[in-house]
Amino acid sequence: MQHRVLVPVTNPLGGIRTYMLYNMKHLHDAGFRFTFLSERGTAFDLFKKDVEPWDGTDFIESPSGGGALAVIRTLRNALKQHRFSLIHSQGLYAGTVASAANYFRRIPHLITLHDVIIPMNDVPGRFKSLKKAIAAFVTRRATVIIPVSKDCEMNHRSVFPSWNRGPVRIQTILNGIDIDRILRSKAAFESTPDAATLRNETGIEPGVVVGGFFGRFMPQKGFEYLIEALALLDKKGYGDRFRLVATADLHGFQQEYINAVQQRAEVARMVRFVPAVGDITPLLCQVDALVMPSLWEACCLLPMEAMVLGVPVIGSDCIGLREVIANTPSFAPKHADAEALAEALISFIDRPDAEPAQRFADTAKDRFDVRHAVDALLELYRTNVE
């Protein structure tokens, strides 16, 4: 018997999109079929193209800009009209509205948490305390809440202490990545004649250390601190020894970040903006280090991909990222600290040694393999389907 799973997702972008593509493809291959429900718009349209090849996949759209009540109405209609064995919400907001719609139906409900709640990333809008109280109340009736890291779990337990009293169960399932896909992409790139084109295309001289910033351009990713760190590099005499390659995200980057770079001549000459790509592996293979000065994460996938490829990571000690790069050869300077980031960059520029990262790659392949997460999710699915 095939089981159909309803997947409410607020915004299928970034890490949430990657999580669904990596995990749910394996769950689909195990016999589950998915109905994805999201707000009408470009992000959902792009996601549909990714998963339409999966046979038996359906889509339900809620009105654009309709708010929580519109999403709840759409969910209720979906639950009335279709037979779902399981609900698997993606994110706290999606889990909250799905819990409200499912409150009296009591279909088994899993909620995967993809973010953390801290002062820099609090619940948006007015009436924050009321919104948190409502979220805590309705999500306690979910079956299992799944944080994607221990940092994410501890963060939410502190914000929603009522979860600790049940009846909802909390089970952390660490994020993972599709190792086979990444290695296939690497092999395809390396087999391409004249594959290493990034330096030529961006005019970077031989011998100059190249860092890659491939996160989405948003405050969370700490790009403003990276700009300050680059200015410090120039001031300390390293301006000719380092270049940063930065990609726009697939849905357009914020012009303010480009302007911030262009307004400072000493920084502008060190930065190269390149077009966004669907597969980041070829770019990772061409940089000397991934630079990821995040201010907060839940459990980020990009440094996992870099480590699997043997690419050094210059990250930060922020929540979520610190857990991913702990006990690895990566750099973890203090987050939101341009001076600390500059010192880490200088240390790497002075000794751009990839050998520790390359030796760690086999360990990374096992540690970050998404199949660990898939096995845990499969067990939850099979245990809880109606």
Protein backbone atom coordinates (compact mmCIF):
# COMPACT_ATOMS: atom_id res chain seq x y z
CA MET A 1 0.00 0.00 0.00
CA GLN A 2 1.29 3.44 -0.96
CA HIS A 3 0.99 6.15 1.68
CA ARG A 4 0.46 9.80 0.73
CA VAL A 5 2.19 12.46 2.80
CA LEU A 6 1.05 16.10 2.92
CA VAL A 7 4.03 18.46 3.08
CA PRO A 8 3.16 22.06 4.08
CA VAL A 9 6.10 24.38 3.40
CA THR A 10 6.02 28.15 3.69
CA ASN A 11 8.85 29.06 1.35
CA PRO A 12 10.63 26.24 -0.53
CA LEU A 13 13.96 28.05 -0.83
CA GLY A 14 17.52 27.57 0.35
CA GLY A 15 18.14 24.90 2.95
CA ILE A 16 14.49 23.83 3.18
CA ARG A 17 14.36 23.19 -0.56
CA THR A 18 17.62 21.22 -0.42
CA TYR A 19 16.41 19.25 2.61
CA MET A 20 13.27 18.16 0.77
CA LEU A 21 15.13 17.28 -2.42
CA TYR A 22 17.77 15.25 -0.58
CA ASN A 23 15.51 13.43 1.89
CA MET A 24 12.17 13.07 0.16
CA LYS A 25 13.61 11.62 -3.04
CA HIS A 26 14.80 8.64 -0.97
CA LEU A 27 11.47 8.48 0.87
CA HIS A 28 9.68 8.56 -2.48
CA ASP A 29 11.86 5.70 -3.70
CA ALA A 30 10.82 3.79 -0.55
CA GLY A 31 7.19 4.00 -1.65
CA PHE A 32 5.81 7.22 -0.14
CA ARG A 33 4.03 9.75 -2.33
CA PHE A 34 3.96 13.47 -1.62
CA THR A 35 1.55 16.37 -1.92
CA PHE A 36 3.39 19.66 -1.43
CA LEU A 37 1.38 22.63 -0.20
CA SER A 38 2.76 26.16 -0.34
CA GLU A 39 1.84 29.73 -1.14
CA ARG A 40 1.40 30.50 -4.82
CA GLY A 41 4.48 32.21 -6.26
CA THR A 42 7.82 31.96 -8.04
CA ALA A 43 9.55 29.97 -5.29
CA PHE A 44 6.89 27.25 -5.39
CA ASP A 45 6.90 27.22 -9.21
CA LEU A 46 10.66 26.63 -9.25
CA PHE A 47 10.38 23.89 -6.64
CA LYS A 48 7.68 22.14 -8.65
CA LYS A 49 10.09 21.78 -11.57
CA ASP A 50 12.54 20.02 -9.25
CA VAL A 51 10.11 17.36 -8.05
CA GLU A 52 7.64 16.98 -10.93
CA PRO A 53 9.66 14.01 -12.30
CA TRP A 54 8.78 12.07 -9.13
CA ASP A 55 5.78 9.98 -10.11
CA GLY A 56 2.63 10.51 -8.10
CA THR A 57 3.66 13.96 -6.83
CA ASP A 58 0.86 16.51 -6.35
CA PHE A 59 0.77 20.23 -5.52
CA ILE A 60 -1.70 22.46 -3.69
CA GLU A 61 -1.39 26.26 -3.68
CA SER A 62 -2.65 28.64 -1.03
CA PRO A 63 -3.48 32.24 -2.03
CA SER A 64 -0.49 34.56 -2.29
CA GLY A 65 -0.31 37.04 0.58
CA GLY A 66 -3.34 35.56 2.30
CA GLY A 67 -1.64 35.10 5.66
CA ALA A 68 -1.96 32.30 8.18
CA LEU A 69 -5.76 32.06 8.04
CA ALA A 70 -5.70 31.52 4.27
CA VAL A 71 -3.12 28.77 4.63
CA ILE A 72 -5.15 27.11 7.40
CA ARG A 73 -8.26 27.19 5.22
CA THR A 74 -6.32 25.65 2.33
CA LEU A 75 -4.96 22.96 4.63
CA ARG A 76 -8.39 22.17 6.05
CA ASN A 77 -9.84 21.81 2.55
CA ALA A 78 -6.97 19.53 1.57
CA LEU A 79 -7.50 17.35 4.64
CA LYS A 80 -11.24 17.09 3.87
CA GLN A 81 -10.82 16.27 0.20
CA HIS A 82 -7.86 13.89 0.28
CA ARG A 83 -6.72 10.90 2.28
CA PHE A 84 -3.32 11.54 3.87
CA SER A 85 -1.50 8.98 5.97
CA LEU A 86 0.89 11.55 7.41
CA ILE A 87 1.63 15.29 7.53
CA HIS A 88 5.28 16.36 7.43
CA SER A 89 5.52 20.14 7.88
CA GLN A 90 8.69 22.02 6.98
CA GLY A 91 9.50 24.78 9.44
CA LEU A 92 7.90 26.12 12.61
CA TYR A 93 5.41 28.38 10.83
CA ALA A 94 4.23 25.63 8.50
CA GLY A 95 4.05 23.27 11.47
CA THR A 96 1.98 25.75 13.47
CA VAL A 97 -0.64 26.36 10.77
CA ALA A 98 -0.78 22.65 9.93
CA SER A 99 -1.24 21.82 13.62
CA ALA A 100 -4.14 24.29 13.77
CA ALA A 101 -5.76 22.79 10.67
CA ASN A 102 -5.19 19.26 11.97
CA TYR A 103 -6.17 19.98 15.58
CA PHE A 104 -9.35 17.90 15.60
CA ARG A 105 -8.45 15.45 12.84
CA ARG A 106 -5.32 14.16 14.58
CA ILE A 107 -3.56 12.79 11.51
CA PRO A 108 0.01 11.83 12.55
CA HIS A 109 2.06 14.99 12.16
CA LEU A 110 5.83 15.46 11.96
CA ILE A 111 7.38 18.95 12.05
CA THR A 112 10.95 19.50 10.90
CA LEU A 113 12.52 22.66 12.34
CA HIS A 114 14.87 24.47 9.94
CA ASP A 115 15.77 27.60 11.88
CA VAL A 116 16.55 28.93 15.34
CA ILE A 117 14.80 31.64 17.35
CA ILE A 118 17.23 34.22 18.74
CA PRO A 119 17.01 38.01 19.18
CA MET A 120 18.49 38.53 15.69
CA ASN A 121 15.96 36.10 14.22
CA ASP A 122 12.86 36.37 16.39
CA VAL A 123 9.26 35.67 15.42
CA PRO A 124 8.37 38.44 12.92
CA GLY A 125 5.83 41.21 13.38
CA ARG A 126 3.88 42.38 16.43
CA PHE A 127 2.55 40.33 19.34
CA LYS A 128 5.61 38.08 19.44
CA SER A 129 4.77 36.59 22.84
CA LEU A 130 1.22 35.79 21.77
CA LYS A 131 2.41 34.18 18.54
CA LYS A 132 4.89 32.02 20.44
CA ALA A 133 2.21 31.00 22.94
CA ILE A 134 -0.14 29.95 20.11
CA ALA A 135 2.66 28.07 18.35
CA ALA A 136 3.58 26.24 21.56
CA PHE A 137 -0.06 25.35 22.30
CA VAL A 138 -1.02 23.90 18.91
CA THR A 139 2.31 22.20 18.09
CA ARG A 140 2.26 20.28 21.37
CA ARG A 141 -0.43 18.17 19.68
CA ALA A 142 1.94 17.21 16.85
CA THR A 143 3.33 13.67 16.91
CA VAL A 144 7.07 14.33 16.60
CA ILE A 145 9.08 17.55 16.30
CA ILE A 146 12.34 17.04 14.41
CA PRO A 147 15.11 19.62 14.94
CA VAL A 148 17.88 19.34 12.34
CA SER A 149 20.68 19.76 14.91
CA LYS A 150 21.29 19.63 18.64
CA ASP A 151 21.75 23.42 18.64
CA CYS A 152 18.34 23.74 17.00
CA GLU A 153 16.80 21.36 19.56
CA MET A 154 18.22 23.15 22.61
CA ASN A 155 17.21 26.51 21.19
CA HIS A 156 13.57 25.49 20.70
CA ARG A 157 13.34 23.69 24.03
CA SER A 158 14.34 26.96 25.71
CA VAL A 159 11.83 29.02 23.68
CA PHE A 160 8.99 26.49 24.07
CA PRO A 161 9.52 24.83 27.48
CA SER A 162 5.99 23.35 27.35
CA TRP A 163 7.25 20.95 24.66
CA ASN A 164 9.35 19.28 27.35
CA ARG A 165 6.12 18.16 29.07
CA GLY A 166 4.67 16.51 25.96
CA PRO A 167 2.59 14.98 24.57
CA VAL A 168 4.70 15.85 21.50
CA ARG A 169 7.97 13.96 21.23
CA ILE A 170 11.20 15.67 20.17
CA GLN A 171 13.70 13.69 18.11
CA THR A 172 16.71 15.39 16.56
CA ILE A 173 17.68 14.08 13.13
CA LEU A 174 20.87 15.72 11.90
CA ASN A 175 20.86 17.25 8.45
CA GLY A 176 22.78 15.46 5.73
CA ILE A 177 23.74 15.79 2.09
CA ASP A 178 23.54 13.61 -1.01
CA ILE A 179 27.11 12.33 -1.18
CA ASP A 180 26.63 10.41 -4.43
CA ARG A 181 25.22 13.45 -6.22
CA ILE A 182 28.10 15.65 -5.10
CA LEU A 183 30.76 13.13 -6.11
CA ARG A 184 29.09 12.58 -9.50
CA SER A 185 29.05 16.34 -10.04
CA LYS A 186 32.72 16.58 -9.07
CA ALA A 187 33.67 13.77 -11.46
CA ALA A 188 31.70 15.36 -14.31
CA PHE A 189 33.36 18.71 -13.68
CA GLU A 190 36.86 17.25 -13.54
CA SER A 191 36.30 15.31 -16.78
CA THR A 192 35.38 18.50 -18.66
CA PRO A 193 38.22 19.88 -20.80
CA ASP A 194 39.63 23.11 -19.35
CA ALA A 195 37.34 22.69 -16.34
CA ALA A 196 39.13 25.15 -14.05
CA THR A 197 37.87 28.38 -15.63
CA LEU A 198 36.87 30.45 -12.61
CA ARG A 199 40.19 32.27 -12.25
CA ASN A 200 40.34 33.04 -15.98
CA GLU A 201 36.74 34.21 -16.17
CA THR A 202 37.13 36.53 -13.18
CA GLY A 203 40.64 37.76 -13.95
CA ILE A 204 42.27 36.39 -10.79
CA GLU A 205 46.04 36.15 -11.04
CA PRO A 206 47.91 32.87 -10.35
CA GLY A 207 49.08 32.53 -6.77
CA VAL A 208 46.27 34.67 -5.33
CA VAL A 209 44.19 32.86 -2.68
CA VAL A 210 40.51 32.56 -3.68
CA GLY A 211 37.68 32.37 -1.18
CA GLY A 212 34.09 31.55 -2.10
CA PHE A 213 30.98 33.11 -0.55
CA PHE A 214 28.08 31.04 -1.85
CA GLY A 215 25.38 31.75 0.71
CA ARG A 216 22.22 33.69 0.02
CA PHE A 217 22.63 37.46 0.36
CA MET A 218 20.72 38.09 3.56
CA PRO A 219 21.75 39.50 6.97
CA GLN A 220 21.95 36.00 8.50
CA LYS A 221 24.94 35.13 6.32
CA GLY A 222 27.17 37.87 7.74
CA PHE A 223 28.27 39.38 4.45
CA GLU A 224 28.52 42.86 5.94
CA TYR A 225 31.16 41.58 8.38
CA LEU A 226 32.99 39.98 5.48
CA ILE A 227 33.12 43.37 3.73
CA GLU A 228 34.70 44.88 6.85
CA ALA A 229 37.13 41.96 7.08
CA LEU A 230 38.22 42.50 3.47
CA ALA A 231 38.85 46.17 4.23
CA LEU A 232 41.02 45.08 7.16
CA LEU A 233 42.93 42.68 4.89
CA ASP A 234 43.76 45.55 2.59
CA LYS A 235 44.80 47.74 5.51
CA LYS A 236 47.14 44.99 6.77
CA GLY A 237 48.79 44.55 3.38
CA TYR A 238 46.90 41.49 2.13
CA GLY A 239 44.75 43.25 -0.47
CA ASP A 240 46.71 41.81 -3.41
CA ARG A 241 46.87 38.28 -2.00
CA PHE A 242 43.17 37.42 -1.69
CA ARG A 243 40.09 37.52 -3.89
CA LEU A 244 36.50 36.66 -2.97
CA VAL A 245 34.12 35.09 -5.48
CA ALA A 246 30.46 35.60 -4.53
CA THR A 247 27.36 34.23 -6.25
CA ALA A 248 23.92 35.73 -6.44
CA ASP A 249 21.31 33.37 -5.04
CA LEU A 250 18.89 31.80 -7.50
CA HIS A 251 16.19 34.36 -6.72
CA GLY A 252 18.29 37.50 -6.98
CA PHE A 253 20.59 39.08 -4.44
CA GLN A 254 19.95 42.31 -2.62
CA GLN A 255 21.42 45.29 -4.43
CA GLU A 256 22.46 46.88 -1.15
CA TYR A 257 25.25 44.33 -0.75
CA ILE A 258 26.63 45.04 -4.21
CA ASN A 259 26.45 48.75 -3.47
CA ALA A 260 28.26 48.26 -0.15
CA VAL A 261 31.10 46.54 -2.01
CA GLN A 262 31.25 49.03 -4.88
CA GLN A 263 31.30 52.03 -2.57
CA ARG A 264 34.65 50.93 -1.09
CA ALA A 265 37.38 50.82 -3.71
CA GLU A 266 39.73 48.70 -1.60
CA VAL A 267 36.99 46.07 -1.20
CA ALA A 268 35.58 46.27 -4.74
CA ARG A 269 38.91 45.24 -6.29
CA MET A 270 38.96 42.13 -4.10
CA VAL A 271 35.43 40.88 -4.91
CA ARG A 272 34.16 39.12 -8.01
CA PHE A 273 30.40 38.61 -8.42
CA VAL A 274 29.47 35.67 -10.63
CA PRO A 275 26.08 34.39 -11.84
CA ALA A 276 24.11 31.96 -9.72
CA VAL A 277 24.30 28.28 -10.53
CA GLY A 278 22.00 25.40 -9.70
CA ASP A 279 24.91 23.12 -8.77
CA ILE A 280 27.54 24.72 -6.55
CA THR A 281 29.99 21.78 -6.71
CA PRO A 282 32.06 23.05 -9.69
CA LEU A 283 32.56 26.41 -7.97
CA LEU A 284 33.54 24.77 -4.69
CA CYS A 285 36.12 22.71 -6.59
CA GLN A 286 37.75 25.91 -7.89
CA VAL A 287 38.15 27.95 -4.70
CA ASP A 288 40.84 27.58 -2.07
CA ALA A 289 38.36 27.90 0.80
CA LEU A 290 34.67 28.34 1.49
CA VAL A 291 34.05 31.51 3.50
CA MET A 292 30.88 31.37 5.60
CA PRO A 293 30.74 34.07 8.33
CA SER A 294 27.14 33.34 9.36
CA LEU A 295 25.46 34.99 12.34
CA TRP A 296 23.13 32.04 12.95
CA GLU A 297 22.17 28.74 11.35
CA ALA A 298 20.12 25.69 12.26
CA CYS A 299 22.25 23.08 10.51
CA CYS A 300 23.79 24.32 7.28
CA LEU A 301 24.52 22.04 4.32
CA LEU A 302 27.03 24.12 2.34
CA PRO A 303 30.02 23.52 4.67
CA MET A 304 29.18 19.80 4.66
CA GLU A 305 29.44 19.83 0.87
CA ALA A 306 32.76 21.68 1.01
CA MET A 307 34.23 19.24 3.53
CA VAL A 308 33.13 16.23 1.46
CA LEU A 309 35.00 17.77 -1.47
CA GLY A 310 38.10 18.39 0.67
CA VAL A 311 37.71 22.18 0.52
CA PRO A 312 38.80 24.11 3.65
CA VAL A 313 36.04 26.00 5.48
CA ILE A 314 36.45 29.40 7.13
CA GLY A 315 33.18 29.65 9.05
CA SER A 316 32.17 31.17 12.37
CA ASP A 317 31.28 30.03 15.87
CA CYS A 318 27.59 30.92 15.49
CA ILE A 319 24.78 28.65 16.66
CA GLY A 320 24.18 25.81 14.19
CA LEU A 321 27.35 26.30 12.15
CA ARG A 322 29.60 25.63 15.16
CA GLU A 323 28.01 22.19 15.50
CA VAL A 324 28.64 21.29 11.84
CA ILE A 325 32.32 22.28 11.84
CA ALA A 326 33.18 21.02 15.33
CA ASN A 327 35.97 18.43 15.32
CA THR A 328 36.91 19.21 11.72
CA PRO A 329 39.91 21.08 10.23
CA SER A 330 37.72 24.16 9.71
CA PHE A 331 38.30 27.68 11.05
CA ALA A 332 35.63 29.01 13.46
CA PRO A 333 36.35 32.68 14.32
CA LYS A 334 33.94 34.61 16.52
CA HIS A 335 30.76 35.51 14.65
CA ALA A 336 29.76 39.14 14.07
CA ASP A 337 33.42 40.11 14.53
CA ALA A 338 35.17 41.47 11.43
CA GLU A 339 38.57 41.59 13.15
CA ALA A 340 38.37 37.90 14.13
CA LEU A 341 37.26 36.96 10.62
CA ALA A 342 40.13 38.98 9.10
CA GLU A 343 42.64 37.19 11.35
CA ALA A 344 41.29 33.79 10.27
CA LEU A 345 41.55 34.82 6.61
CA ILE A 346 45.10 36.05 7.15
CA SER A 347 46.07 32.76 8.80
CA PHE A 348 44.78 30.88 5.79
CA ILE A 349 46.34 33.26 3.24
CA ASP A 350 49.71 32.85 4.93
CA ARG A 351 49.34 29.06 4.78
CA PRO A 352 46.66 28.01 2.27
CA ASP A 353 47.05 24.33 3.01
CA ALA A 354 44.20 22.12 1.80
CA GLU A 355 45.80 18.87 2.95
CA PRO A 356 44.01 18.68 6.37
CA ALA A 357 40.65 19.22 4.66
CA GLN A 358 41.47 16.67 1.98
CA ARG A 359 42.44 14.08 4.59
CA PHE A 360 39.16 14.74 6.40
CA ALA A 361 37.02 14.23 3.27
CA ASP A 362 36.45 10.49 3.81
CA THR A 363 35.33 11.12 7.39
CA ALA A 364 33.02 13.90 6.13
CA LYS A 365 31.45 11.55 3.57
CA ASP A 366 30.32 9.21 6.32
CA ARG A 367 29.45 11.86 8.91
CA PHE A 368 27.27 13.99 6.64
CA ASP A 369 25.66 11.31 4.45
CA VAL A 370 21.95 12.09 4.10
CA ARG A 371 21.14 8.38 4.27
CA HIS A 372 21.59 8.52 8.04
CA ALA A 373 18.76 11.06 8.18
CA VAL A 374 16.68 9.14 5.63
CA ASP A 375 16.91 5.95 7.68
CA ALA A 376 15.67 7.80 10.77
CA LEU A 377 12.86 9.48 8.83
CA LEU A 378 11.81 6.18 7.26
CA GLU A 379 11.48 4.66 10.69
CA LEU A 380 9.31 7.59 11.82
CA TYR A 381 7.20 7.42 8.67
CA ARG A 382 6.60 3.68 8.96
CA THR A 383 5.86 3.91 12.67
CA ASN A 384 3.36 6.75 12.39
CA VAL A 385 1.50 6.36 9.08
CA GLU A 386 -2.23 5.74 9.44
